[in-house]
Amino acid sequence: MKTRILIVALLIGLAGAQAGCNRFVGGAAVGAVGAGAAYEYQHKRQMDRLEQDLREGRITQEEYEARKEQISRGSLIY
């Protein structure tokens, strides 16, 4: 998890070094953070729905674990 965050930060830094324009770098960094936050928010919503489905008996524990693994593969946080 920390490795993914480090890689994303490094890629943003490299993109900024290539750009050569501070305004572009700032805008790109803000855009990257915003996009990342939107994806993580979506993953949180999916996890919340998944946990609710498990609590309400709509899915089994095995289905829950499989889906949770799928969500965590695409997320930096989960």
C-alpha atoms as a PDB file:
ATOM      1  CA  MET A   1       0.000   0.000   0.000  1.00  0.00           C
ATOM      2  CA  LYS A   2       2.717   2.496   0.944  1.00  0.00           C
ATOM      3  CA  THR A   3       4.677   1.392  -2.092  1.00  0.00           C
ATOM      4  CA  ARG A   4       1.793   2.353  -4.382  1.00  0.00           C
ATOM      5  CA  ILE A   5       1.539   5.794  -2.783  1.00  0.00           C
ATOM      6  CA  LEU A   6       5.284   6.279  -3.175  1.00  0.00           C
ATOM      7  CA  ILE A   7       5.150   5.247  -6.844  1.00  0.00           C
ATOM      8  CA  VAL A   8       2.277   7.646  -7.560  1.00  0.00           C
ATOM      9  CA  ALA A   9       4.124  10.491  -5.820  1.00  0.00           C
ATOM     10  CA  LEU A  10       7.289   9.695  -7.750  1.00  0.00           C
ATOM     11  CA  LEU A  11       5.446   9.662 -11.075  1.00  0.00           C
ATOM     12  CA  ILE A  12       3.843  13.016 -10.297  1.00  0.00           C
ATOM     13  CA  GLY A  13       7.269  14.398  -9.417  1.00  0.00           C
ATOM     14  CA  LEU A  14       8.783  13.093 -12.628  1.00  0.00           C
ATOM     15  CA  ALA A  15       5.968  14.566 -14.664  1.00  0.00           C
ATOM     16  CA  GLY A  16       6.620  17.897 -12.993  1.00  0.00           C
ATOM     17  CA  ALA A  17      10.338  17.707 -13.719  1.00  0.00           C
ATOM     18  CA  GLN A  18       9.581  17.058 -17.387  1.00  0.00           C
ATOM     19  CA  ALA A  19       7.074  19.879 -17.628  1.00  0.00           C
ATOM     20  CA  GLY A  20       9.415  22.737 -16.796  1.00  0.00           C
ATOM     21  CA  CYS A  21       6.563  25.045 -15.855  1.00  0.00           C
ATOM     22  CA  ASN A  22       5.575  25.512 -12.221  1.00  0.00           C
ATOM     23  CA  ARG A  23       2.010  26.457 -13.026  1.00  0.00           C
ATOM     24  CA  PHE A  24       1.522  23.292 -15.052  1.00  0.00           C
ATOM     25  CA  VAL A  25       3.121  21.189 -12.335  1.00  0.00           C
ATOM     26  CA  GLY A  26       0.808  22.608  -9.701  1.00  0.00           C
ATOM     27  CA  GLY A  27      -2.248  22.085 -11.864  1.00  0.00           C
ATOM     28  CA  ALA A  28      -1.195  18.560 -12.761  1.00  0.00           C
ATOM     29  CA  ALA A  29      -0.571  17.698  -9.128  1.00  0.00           C
ATOM     30  CA  VAL A  30      -3.952  19.048  -8.065  1.00  0.00           C
ATOM     31  CA  GLY A  31      -5.633  17.171 -10.913  1.00  0.00           C
ATOM     32  CA  ALA A  32      -3.859  13.915 -10.034  1.00  0.00           C
ATOM     33  CA  VAL A  33      -4.796  14.232  -6.371  1.00  0.00           C
ATOM     34  CA  GLY A  34      -8.397  15.024  -7.287  1.00  0.00           C
ATOM     35  CA  ALA A  35      -8.654  12.051  -9.618  1.00  0.00           C
ATOM     36  CA  GLY A  36      -7.086   9.760  -7.024  1.00  0.00           C
ATOM     37  CA  ALA A  37      -9.486  10.998  -4.365  1.00  0.00           C
ATOM     38  CA  ALA A  38     -12.467  10.356  -6.642  1.00  0.00           C
ATOM     39  CA  TYR A  39     -11.355   6.774  -7.281  1.00  0.00           C
ATOM     40  CA  GLU A  40     -10.768   6.135  -3.577  1.00  0.00           C
ATOM     41  CA  TYR A  41     -14.180   7.583  -2.729  1.00  0.00           C
ATOM     42  CA  GLN A  42     -15.734   5.173  -5.224  1.00  0.00           C
ATOM     43  CA  HIS A  43     -13.860   2.268  -3.610  1.00  0.00           C
ATOM     44  CA  LYS A  44     -15.118   3.343  -0.182  1.00  0.00           C
ATOM     45  CA  ARG A  45     -18.697   3.374  -1.457  1.00  0.00           C
ATOM     46  CA  GLN A  46     -18.234  -0.100  -2.952  1.00  0.00           C
ATOM     47  CA  MET A  47     -16.836  -1.406   0.350  1.00  0.00           C
ATOM     48  CA  ASP A  48     -19.709   0.145   2.303  1.00  0.00           C
ATOM     49  CA  ARG A  49     -22.265  -1.501  -0.001  1.00  0.00           C
ATOM     50  CA  LEU A  50     -20.402  -4.799   0.187  1.00  0.00           C
ATOM     51  CA  GLU A  51     -20.389  -4.754   3.996  1.00  0.00           C
ATOM     52  CA  GLN A  52     -24.095  -3.897   4.041  1.00  0.00           C
ATOM     53  CA  ASP A  53     -24.862  -6.786   1.677  1.00  0.00           C
ATOM     54  CA  LEU A  54     -22.971  -9.159   3.986  1.00  0.00           C
ATOM     55  CA  ARG A  55     -24.767  -7.865   7.098  1.00  0.00           C
ATOM     56  CA  GLU A  56     -28.158  -8.211   5.438  1.00  0.00           C
ATOM     57  CA  GLY A  57     -27.421 -11.725   4.193  1.00  0.00           C
ATOM     58  CA  ARG A  58     -27.523 -10.954   0.479  1.00  0.00           C
ATOM     59  CA  ILE A  59     -24.047 -12.450  -0.030  1.00  0.00           C
ATOM     60  CA  THR A  60     -22.019 -15.147   1.703  1.00  0.00           C
ATOM     61  CA  GLN A  61     -18.740 -14.646   3.530  1.00  0.00           C
ATOM     62  CA  GLU A  62     -16.902 -16.242   0.588  1.00  0.00           C
ATOM     63  CA  GLU A  63     -18.511 -13.832  -1.877  1.00  0.00           C
ATOM     64  CA  TYR A  64     -17.639 -10.965   0.447  1.00  0.00           C
ATOM     65  CA  GLU A  65     -13.964 -11.974   0.648  1.00  0.00           C
ATOM     66  CA  ALA A  66     -13.672 -12.403  -3.134  1.00  0.00           C
ATOM     67  CA  ARG A  67     -15.238  -9.023  -3.883  1.00  0.00           C
ATOM     68  CA  LYS A  68     -13.211  -7.315  -1.147  1.00  0.00           C
ATOM     69  CA  GLU A  69     -10.029  -8.659  -2.765  1.00  0.00           C
ATOM     70  CA  GLN A  70     -11.101  -7.255  -6.140  1.00  0.00           C
ATOM     71  CA  ILE A  71     -11.752  -3.829  -4.641  1.00  0.00           C
ATOM     72  CA  SER A  72      -8.492  -3.786  -2.702  1.00  0.00           C
ATOM     73  CA  ARG A  73      -6.470  -4.581  -5.839  1.00  0.00           C
ATOM     74  CA  GLY A  74      -7.683  -1.368  -7.433  1.00  0.00           C
ATOM     75  CA  SER A  75      -7.303   0.814  -4.361  1.00  0.00           C
ATOM     76  CA  LEU A  76      -4.387   2.480  -2.587  1.00  0.00           C
ATOM     77  CA  ILE A  77      -6.227   2.525   0.746  1.00  0.00           C
ATOM     78  CA  TYR A  78      -8.196  -0.737   0.979  1.00  0.00           C
END
